[in-house]
Amino acid sequence: MAADLQPEWISCLPSSWSYGVTRDGRVFFINEEAKSTTWLHPVSGEAVITGHRKTPDLPTGWEEGYTFEGARCFIN
């Protein structure tokens, strides 16, 4: 499960932007005007870090996470 979003990430979105969350907890940003999406916040240019999550399909002790660039990784 993803961590709660920090309010400043939401409150500083430009007016034509919104956000969504994928089924696996990654946050993405939607430019309604340009009809495009990105993993990077439109103001800061950084990915929102949502933390790690444990899933039943991973071996005991392993967690799923994401790098600062948004790439999926696994942590033991």
PDB file of N, CA and C in Angstrom:
ATOM      1  N   MET A   1       0.841  -1.169   0.000  1.00  0.00           N
ATOM      2  CA  MET A   1       0.000   0.000   0.000  1.00  0.00           C
ATOM      3  C   MET A   1       0.887   1.233   0.000  1.00  0.00           C
ATOM      4  N   ALA A   2       0.496   2.218  -0.739  1.00  0.00           N
ATOM      5  CA  ALA A   2       1.274   3.448  -0.855  1.00  0.00           C
ATOM      6  C   ALA A   2       1.103   4.310   0.386  1.00  0.00           C
ATOM      7  N   ALA A   3       2.103   5.082   0.674  1.00  0.00           N
ATOM      8  CA  ALA A   3       2.037   6.036   1.778  1.00  0.00           C
ATOM      9  C   ALA A   3       1.107   7.180   1.395  1.00  0.00           C
ATOM     10  N   ASP A   4       0.605   7.896   2.409  1.00  0.00           N
ATOM     11  CA  ASP A   4      -0.244   9.049   2.127  1.00  0.00           C
ATOM     12  C   ASP A   4       0.548  10.092   1.371  1.00  0.00           C
ATOM     13  N   LEU A   5      -0.111  10.743   0.432  1.00  0.00           N
ATOM     14  CA  LEU A   5       0.543  11.811  -0.321  1.00  0.00           C
ATOM     15  C   LEU A   5       0.734  13.021   0.574  1.00  0.00           C
ATOM     16  N   GLN A   6       1.851  13.676   0.399  1.00  0.00           N
ATOM     17  CA  GLN A   6       2.103  14.895   1.153  1.00  0.00           C
ATOM     18  C   GLN A   6       1.262  16.007   0.543  1.00  0.00           C
ATOM     19  N   PRO A   7       0.528  16.764   1.356  1.00  0.00           N
ATOM     20  CA  PRO A   7      -0.355  17.805   0.827  1.00  0.00           C
ATOM     21  C   PRO A   7       0.328  18.803  -0.098  1.00  0.00           C
ATOM     22  N   GLU A   8       1.616  19.122   0.159  1.00  0.00           N
ATOM     23  CA  GLU A   8       2.288  20.098  -0.708  1.00  0.00           C
ATOM     24  C   GLU A   8       2.421  19.593  -2.139  1.00  0.00           C
ATOM     25  N   TRP A   9       2.492  18.271  -2.341  1.00  0.00           N
ATOM     26  CA  TRP A   9       2.555  17.724  -3.706  1.00  0.00           C
ATOM     27  C   TRP A   9       1.268  18.027  -4.455  1.00  0.00           C
ATOM     28  N   ILE A  10       0.165  17.974  -3.737  1.00  0.00           N
ATOM     29  CA  ILE A  10      -1.134  18.201  -4.369  1.00  0.00           C
ATOM     30  C   ILE A  10      -1.424  19.689  -4.509  1.00  0.00           C
ATOM     31  N   SER A  11      -1.169  20.445  -3.450  1.00  0.00           N
ATOM     32  CA  SER A  11      -1.555  21.857  -3.437  1.00  0.00           C
ATOM     33  C   SER A  11      -0.770  22.713  -4.421  1.00  0.00           C
ATOM     34  N   CYS A  12       0.442  22.280  -4.812  1.00  0.00           N
ATOM     35  CA  CYS A  12       1.222  23.115  -5.726  1.00  0.00           C
ATOM     36  C   CYS A  12       1.107  22.665  -7.182  1.00  0.00           C
ATOM     37  N   LEU A  13       0.136  21.796  -7.499  1.00  0.00           N
ATOM     38  CA  LEU A  13      -0.068  21.418  -8.905  1.00  0.00           C
ATOM     39  C   LEU A  13      -0.615  22.608  -9.694  1.00  0.00           C
ATOM     40  N   PRO A  14      -0.103  22.849 -10.898  1.00  0.00           N
ATOM     41  CA  PRO A  14      -0.673  23.902 -11.748  1.00  0.00           C
ATOM     42  C   PRO A  14      -2.148  23.601 -12.038  1.00  0.00           C
ATOM     43  N   SER A  15      -2.901  24.610 -12.415  1.00  0.00           N
ATOM     44  CA  SER A  15      -4.356  24.463 -12.563  1.00  0.00           C
ATOM     45  C   SER A  15      -4.779  23.413 -13.587  1.00  0.00           C
ATOM     46  N   SER A  16      -4.003  23.175 -14.622  1.00  0.00           N
ATOM     47  CA  SER A  16      -4.413  22.198 -15.639  1.00  0.00           C
ATOM     48  C   SER A  16      -3.918  20.779 -15.343  1.00  0.00           C
ATOM     49  N   TRP A  17      -3.369  20.570 -14.154  1.00  0.00           N
ATOM     50  CA  TRP A  17      -2.808  19.269 -13.786  1.00  0.00           C
ATOM     51  C   TRP A  17      -3.625  18.600 -12.695  1.00  0.00           C
ATOM     52  N   SER A  18      -3.665  17.273 -12.738  1.00  0.00           N
ATOM     53  CA  SER A  18      -4.239  16.461 -11.664  1.00  0.00           C
ATOM     54  C   SER A  18      -3.307  15.269 -11.460  1.00  0.00           C
ATOM     55  N   TYR A  19      -3.676  14.360 -10.590  1.00  0.00           N
ATOM     56  CA  TYR A  19      -2.824  13.203 -10.368  1.00  0.00           C
ATOM     57  C   TYR A  19      -3.666  11.934 -10.304  1.00  0.00           C
ATOM     58  N   GLY A  20      -3.009  10.817 -10.478  1.00  0.00           N
ATOM     59  CA  GLY A  20      -3.644   9.521 -10.355  1.00  0.00           C
ATOM     60  C   GLY A  20      -2.692   8.574  -9.649  1.00  0.00           C
ATOM     61  N   VAL A  21      -3.214   7.434  -9.241  1.00  0.00           N
ATOM     62  CA  VAL A  21      -2.412   6.426  -8.569  1.00  0.00           C
ATOM     63  C   VAL A  21      -2.684   5.091  -9.249  1.00  0.00           C
ATOM     64  N   THR A  22      -1.610   4.418  -9.655  1.00  0.00           N
ATOM     65  CA  THR A  22      -1.762   3.120 -10.311  1.00  0.00           C
ATOM     66  C   THR A  22      -2.163   2.064  -9.290  1.00  0.00           C
ATOM     67  N   ARG A  23      -2.576   0.897  -9.767  1.00  0.00           N
ATOM     68  CA  ARG A  23      -2.963  -0.188  -8.871  1.00  0.00           C
ATOM     69  C   ARG A  23      -1.837  -0.610  -7.949  1.00  0.00           C
ATOM     70  N   ASP A  24      -0.596  -0.429  -8.396  1.00  0.00           N
ATOM     71  CA  ASP A  24       0.525  -0.812  -7.540  1.00  0.00           C
ATOM     72  C   ASP A  24       1.041   0.343  -6.678  1.00  0.00           C
ATOM     73  N   GLY A  25       0.317   1.456  -6.630  1.00  0.00           N
ATOM     74  CA  GLY A  25       0.638   2.539  -5.710  1.00  0.00           C
ATOM     75  C   GLY A  25       1.511   3.656  -6.229  1.00  0.00           C
ATOM     76  N   ARG A  26       1.889   3.608  -7.496  1.00  0.00           N
ATOM     77  CA  ARG A  26       2.726   4.689  -8.044  1.00  0.00           C
ATOM     78  C   ARG A  26       1.867   5.900  -8.393  1.00  0.00           C
ATOM     79  N   VAL A  27       2.389   7.073  -8.078  1.00  0.00           N
ATOM     80  CA  VAL A  27       1.683   8.324  -8.372  1.00  0.00           C
ATOM     81  C   VAL A  27       2.143   8.845  -9.730  1.00  0.00           C
ATOM     82  N   PHE A  28       1.182   9.251 -10.566  1.00  0.00           N
ATOM     83  CA  PHE A  28       1.508   9.877 -11.841  1.00  0.00           C
ATOM     84  C   PHE A  28       0.708  11.168 -11.972  1.00  0.00           C
ATOM     85  N   PHE A  29       1.161  12.021 -12.865  1.00  0.00           N
ATOM     86  CA  PHE A  29       0.539  13.328 -13.029  1.00  0.00           C
ATOM     87  C   PHE A  29      -0.059  13.457 -14.421  1.00  0.00           C
ATOM     88  N   ILE A  30      -1.223  14.105 -14.485  1.00  0.00           N
ATOM     89  CA  ILE A  30      -1.990  14.222 -15.724  1.00  0.00           C
ATOM     90  C   ILE A  30      -2.083  15.690 -16.118  1.00  0.00           C
ATOM     91  N   ASN A  31      -1.629  16.004 -17.332  1.00  0.00           N
ATOM     92  CA  ASN A  31      -1.776  17.348 -17.882  1.00  0.00           C
ATOM     93  C   ASN A  31      -3.050  17.321 -18.715  1.00  0.00           C
ATOM     94  N   GLU A  32      -4.123  17.844 -18.154  1.00  0.00           N
ATOM     95  CA  GLU A  32      -5.444  17.801 -18.813  1.00  0.00           C
ATOM     96  C   GLU A  32      -5.434  18.609 -20.110  1.00  0.00           C
ATOM     97  N   GLU A  33      -4.680  19.680 -20.136  1.00  0.00           N
ATOM     98  CA  GLU A  33      -4.634  20.548 -21.307  1.00  0.00           C
ATOM     99  C   GLU A  33      -3.921  19.871 -22.485  1.00  0.00           C
ATOM    100  N   ALA A  34      -2.772  19.272 -22.220  1.00  0.00           N
ATOM    101  CA  ALA A  34      -1.976  18.629 -23.270  1.00  0.00           C
ATOM    102  C   ALA A  34      -2.363  17.165 -23.484  1.00  0.00           C
ATOM    103  N   LYS A  35      -3.245  16.627 -22.607  1.00  0.00           N
ATOM    104  CA  LYS A  35      -3.661  15.216 -22.685  1.00  0.00           C
ATOM    105  C   LYS A  35      -2.451  14.290 -22.605  1.00  0.00           C
ATOM    106  N   SER A  36      -1.597  14.515 -21.591  1.00  0.00           N
ATOM    107  CA  SER A  36      -0.399  13.699 -21.424  1.00  0.00           C
ATOM    108  C   SER A  36      -0.225  13.351 -19.944  1.00  0.00           C
ATOM    109  N   THR A  37       0.619  12.366 -19.680  1.00  0.00           N
ATOM    110  CA  THR A  37       0.922  11.970 -18.313  1.00  0.00           C
ATOM    111  C   THR A  37       2.436  11.880 -18.120  1.00  0.00           C
ATOM    112  N   THR A  38       2.838  11.927 -16.843  1.00  0.00           N
ATOM    113  CA  THR A  38       4.251  11.805 -16.500  1.00  0.00           C
ATOM    114  C   THR A  38       4.378  11.279 -15.080  1.00  0.00           C
ATOM    115  N   TRP A  39       5.495  10.616 -14.798  1.00  0.00           N
ATOM    116  CA  TRP A  39       5.792  10.169 -13.434  1.00  0.00           C
ATOM    117  C   TRP A  39       6.362  11.318 -12.609  1.00  0.00           C
ATOM    118  N   LEU A  40       6.813  12.380 -13.255  1.00  0.00           N
ATOM    119  CA  LEU A  40       7.485  13.487 -12.570  1.00  0.00           C
ATOM    120  C   LEU A  40       6.520  14.624 -12.257  1.00  0.00           C
ATOM    121  N   HIS A  41       6.635  15.172 -11.062  1.00  0.00           N
ATOM    122  CA  HIS A  41       5.787  16.289 -10.649  1.00  0.00           C
ATOM    123  C   HIS A  41       6.056  17.468 -11.580  1.00  0.00           C
ATOM    124  N   PRO A  42       5.015  18.133 -12.090  1.00  0.00           N
ATOM    125  CA  PRO A  42       5.215  19.208 -13.070  1.00  0.00           C
ATOM    126  C   PRO A  42       5.952  20.431 -12.531  1.00  0.00           C
ATOM    127  N   VAL A  43       5.976  20.639 -11.249  1.00  0.00           N
ATOM    128  CA  VAL A  43       6.666  21.799 -10.682  1.00  0.00           C
ATOM    129  C   VAL A  43       8.082  21.429 -10.233  1.00  0.00           C
ATOM    130  N   SER A  44       8.206  20.363  -9.463  1.00  0.00           N
ATOM    131  CA  SER A  44       9.515  19.990  -8.907  1.00  0.00           C
ATOM    132  C   SER A  44      10.355  19.158  -9.870  1.00  0.00           C
ATOM    133  N   GLY A  45       9.706  18.465 -10.810  1.00  0.00           N
ATOM    134  CA  GLY A  45      10.432  17.592 -11.729  1.00  0.00           C
ATOM    135  C   GLY A  45      10.898  16.296 -11.083  1.00  0.00           C
ATOM    136  N   GLU A  46      10.374  15.977  -9.904  1.00  0.00           N
ATOM    137  CA  GLU A  46      10.765  14.765  -9.191  1.00  0.00           C
ATOM    138  C   GLU A  46       9.590  13.803  -9.084  1.00  0.00           C
ATOM    139  N   ALA A  47       9.902  12.515  -8.992  1.00  0.00           N
ATOM    140  CA  ALA A  47       8.865  11.511  -8.784  1.00  0.00           C
ATOM    141  C   ALA A  47       8.394  11.565  -7.339  1.00  0.00           C
ATOM    142  N   VAL A  48       7.118  11.290  -7.123  1.00  0.00           N
ATOM    143  CA  VAL A  48       6.595  11.204  -5.765  1.00  0.00           C
ATOM    144  C   VAL A  48       6.975   9.832  -5.228  1.00  0.00           C
ATOM    145  N   ILE A  49       7.644   9.815  -4.091  1.00  0.00           N
ATOM    146  CA  ILE A  49       8.074   8.566  -3.480  1.00  0.00           C
ATOM    147  C   ILE A  49       6.932   8.065  -2.598  1.00  0.00           C
ATOM    148  N   THR A  50       6.425   6.884  -2.928  1.00  0.00           N
ATOM    149  CA  THR A  50       5.285   6.344  -2.184  1.00  0.00           C
ATOM    150  C   THR A  50       5.671   5.228  -1.248  1.00  0.00           C
ATOM    151  N   GLY A  51       6.944   4.904  -1.173  1.00  0.00           N
ATOM    152  CA  GLY A  51       7.389   3.892  -0.238  1.00  0.00           C
ATOM    153  C   GLY A  51       7.390   2.497  -0.838  1.00  0.00           C
ATOM    154  N   HIS A  52       7.611   1.528   0.008  1.00  0.00           N
ATOM    155  CA  HIS A  52       7.675   0.143  -0.412  1.00  0.00           C
ATOM    156  C   HIS A  52       6.358  -0.536  -0.095  1.00  0.00           C
ATOM    157  N   ARG A  53       6.129  -1.649  -0.751  1.00  0.00           N
ATOM    158  CA  ARG A  53       4.957  -2.419  -0.404  1.00  0.00           C
ATOM    159  C   ARG A  53       5.288  -3.898  -0.414  1.00  0.00           C
ATOM    160  N   LYS A  54       4.638  -4.624   0.455  1.00  0.00           N
ATOM    161  CA  LYS A  54       4.807  -6.068   0.519  1.00  0.00           C
ATOM    162  C   LYS A  54       3.636  -6.690  -0.234  1.00  0.00           C
ATOM    163  N   THR A  55       3.915  -7.692  -1.031  1.00  0.00           N
ATOM    164  CA  THR A  55       2.852  -8.378  -1.757  1.00  0.00           C
ATOM    165  C   THR A  55       2.963  -9.867  -1.497  1.00  0.00           C
ATOM    166  N   PRO A  56       1.846 -10.574  -1.517  1.00  0.00           N
ATOM    167  CA  PRO A  56       1.876 -12.000  -1.216  1.00  0.00           C
ATOM    168  C   PRO A  56       2.645 -12.835  -2.236  1.00  0.00           C
ATOM    169  N   ASP A  57       2.861 -12.315  -3.435  1.00  0.00           N
ATOM    170  CA  ASP A  57       3.565 -13.081  -4.464  1.00  0.00           C
ATOM    171  C   ASP A  57       5.091 -12.952  -4.372  1.00  0.00           C
ATOM    172  N   LEU A  58       5.596 -12.138  -3.433  1.00  0.00           N
ATOM    173  CA  LEU A  58       7.045 -12.004  -3.245  1.00  0.00           C
ATOM    174  C   LEU A  58       7.516 -12.981  -2.164  1.00  0.00           C
ATOM    175  N   PRO A  59       8.750 -13.443  -2.262  1.00  0.00           N
ATOM    176  CA  PRO A  59       9.283 -14.324  -1.214  1.00  0.00           C
ATOM    177  C   PRO A  59       9.317 -13.612   0.139  1.00  0.00           C
ATOM    178  N   THR A  60       9.294 -14.382   1.214  1.00  0.00           N
ATOM    179  CA  THR A  60       9.337 -13.836   2.569  1.00  0.00           C
ATOM    180  C   THR A  60      10.541 -12.908   2.719  1.00  0.00           C
ATOM    181  N   GLY A  61      10.292 -11.727   3.289  1.00  0.00           N
ATOM    182  CA  GLY A  61      11.360 -10.763   3.529  1.00  0.00           C
ATOM    183  C   GLY A  61      11.598  -9.783   2.399  1.00  0.00           C
ATOM    184  N   TRP A  62      10.978  -9.985   1.253  1.00  0.00           N
ATOM    185  CA  TRP A  62      11.175  -9.091   0.111  1.00  0.00           C
ATOM    186  C   TRP A  62      10.060  -8.058   0.043  1.00  0.00           C
ATOM    187  N   GLU A  63      10.409  -6.859  -0.422  1.00  0.00           N
ATOM    188  CA  GLU A  63       9.455  -5.784  -0.644  1.00  0.00           C
ATOM    189  C   GLU A  63       9.667  -5.205  -2.031  1.00  0.00           C
ATOM    190  N   GLU A  64       8.614  -4.626  -2.559  1.00  0.00           N
ATOM    191  CA  GLU A  64       8.703  -3.952  -3.856  1.00  0.00           C
ATOM    192  C   GLU A  64       8.883  -2.464  -3.588  1.00  0.00           C
ATOM    193  N   GLY A  65       9.734  -1.797  -4.348  1.00  0.00           N
ATOM    194  CA  GLY A  65       9.952  -0.368  -4.190  1.00  0.00           C
ATOM    195  C   GLY A  65      10.212   0.276  -5.531  1.00  0.00           C
ATOM    196  N   TYR A  66      10.457   1.578  -5.506  1.00  0.00           N
ATOM    197  CA  TYR A  66      10.712   2.334  -6.735  1.00  0.00           C
ATOM    198  C   TYR A  66      11.897   3.257  -6.515  1.00  0.00           C
ATOM    199  N   THR A  67      12.714   3.405  -7.523  1.00  0.00           N
ATOM    200  CA  THR A  67      13.845   4.321  -7.456  1.00  0.00           C
ATOM    201  C   THR A  67      13.347   5.754  -7.615  1.00  0.00           C
ATOM    202  N   PHE A  68      14.227   6.724  -7.418  1.00  0.00           N
ATOM    203  CA  PHE A  68      13.851   8.121  -7.601  1.00  0.00           C
ATOM    204  C   PHE A  68      13.434   8.407  -9.038  1.00  0.00           C
ATOM    205  N   GLU A  69      13.929   7.605  -9.972  1.00  0.00           N
ATOM    206  CA  GLU A  69      13.572   7.783 -11.383  1.00  0.00           C
ATOM    207  C   GLU A  69      12.267   7.076 -11.732  1.00  0.00           C
ATOM    208  N   GLY A  70      11.690   6.339 -10.782  1.00  0.00           N
ATOM    209  CA  GLY A  70      10.426   5.670 -11.020  1.00  0.00           C
ATOM    210  C   GLY A  70      10.562   4.220 -11.459  1.00  0.00           C
ATOM    211  N   ALA A  71      11.777   3.673 -11.492  1.00  0.00           N
ATOM    212  CA  ALA A  71      11.961   2.284 -11.886  1.00  0.00           C
ATOM    213  C   ALA A  71      11.612   1.346 -10.729  1.00  0.00           C
ATOM    214  N   ARG A  72      10.952   0.253 -11.031  1.00  0.00           N
ATOM    215  CA  ARG A  72      10.572  -0.725 -10.026  1.00  0.00           C
ATOM    216  C   ARG A  72      11.797  -1.531  -9.605  1.00  0.00           C
ATOM    217  N   CYS A  73      11.905  -1.815  -8.301  1.00  0.00           N
ATOM    218  CA  CYS A  73      13.008  -2.621  -7.797  1.00  0.00           C
ATOM    219  C   CYS A  73      12.495  -3.482  -6.650  1.00  0.00           C
ATOM    220  N   PHE A  74      13.308  -4.449  -6.233  1.00  0.00           N
ATOM    221  CA  PHE A  74      12.940  -5.341  -5.138  1.00  0.00           C
ATOM    222  C   PHE A  74      14.003  -5.282  -4.065  1.00  0.00           C
ATOM    223  N   ILE A  75      13.570  -5.250  -2.813  1.00  0.00           N
ATOM    224  CA  ILE A  75      14.460  -5.073  -1.674  1.00  0.00           C
ATOM    225  C   ILE A  75      14.328  -6.257  -0.741  1.00  0.00           C
ATOM    226  N   ASN A  76      15.468  -6.805  -0.329  1.00  0.00           N
ATOM    227  CA  ASN A  76      15.467  -7.909   0.634  1.00  0.00           C
ATOM    228  C   ASN A  76      16.018  -7.392   1.943  1.00  0.00           C
TER     229      ASN A  76
END
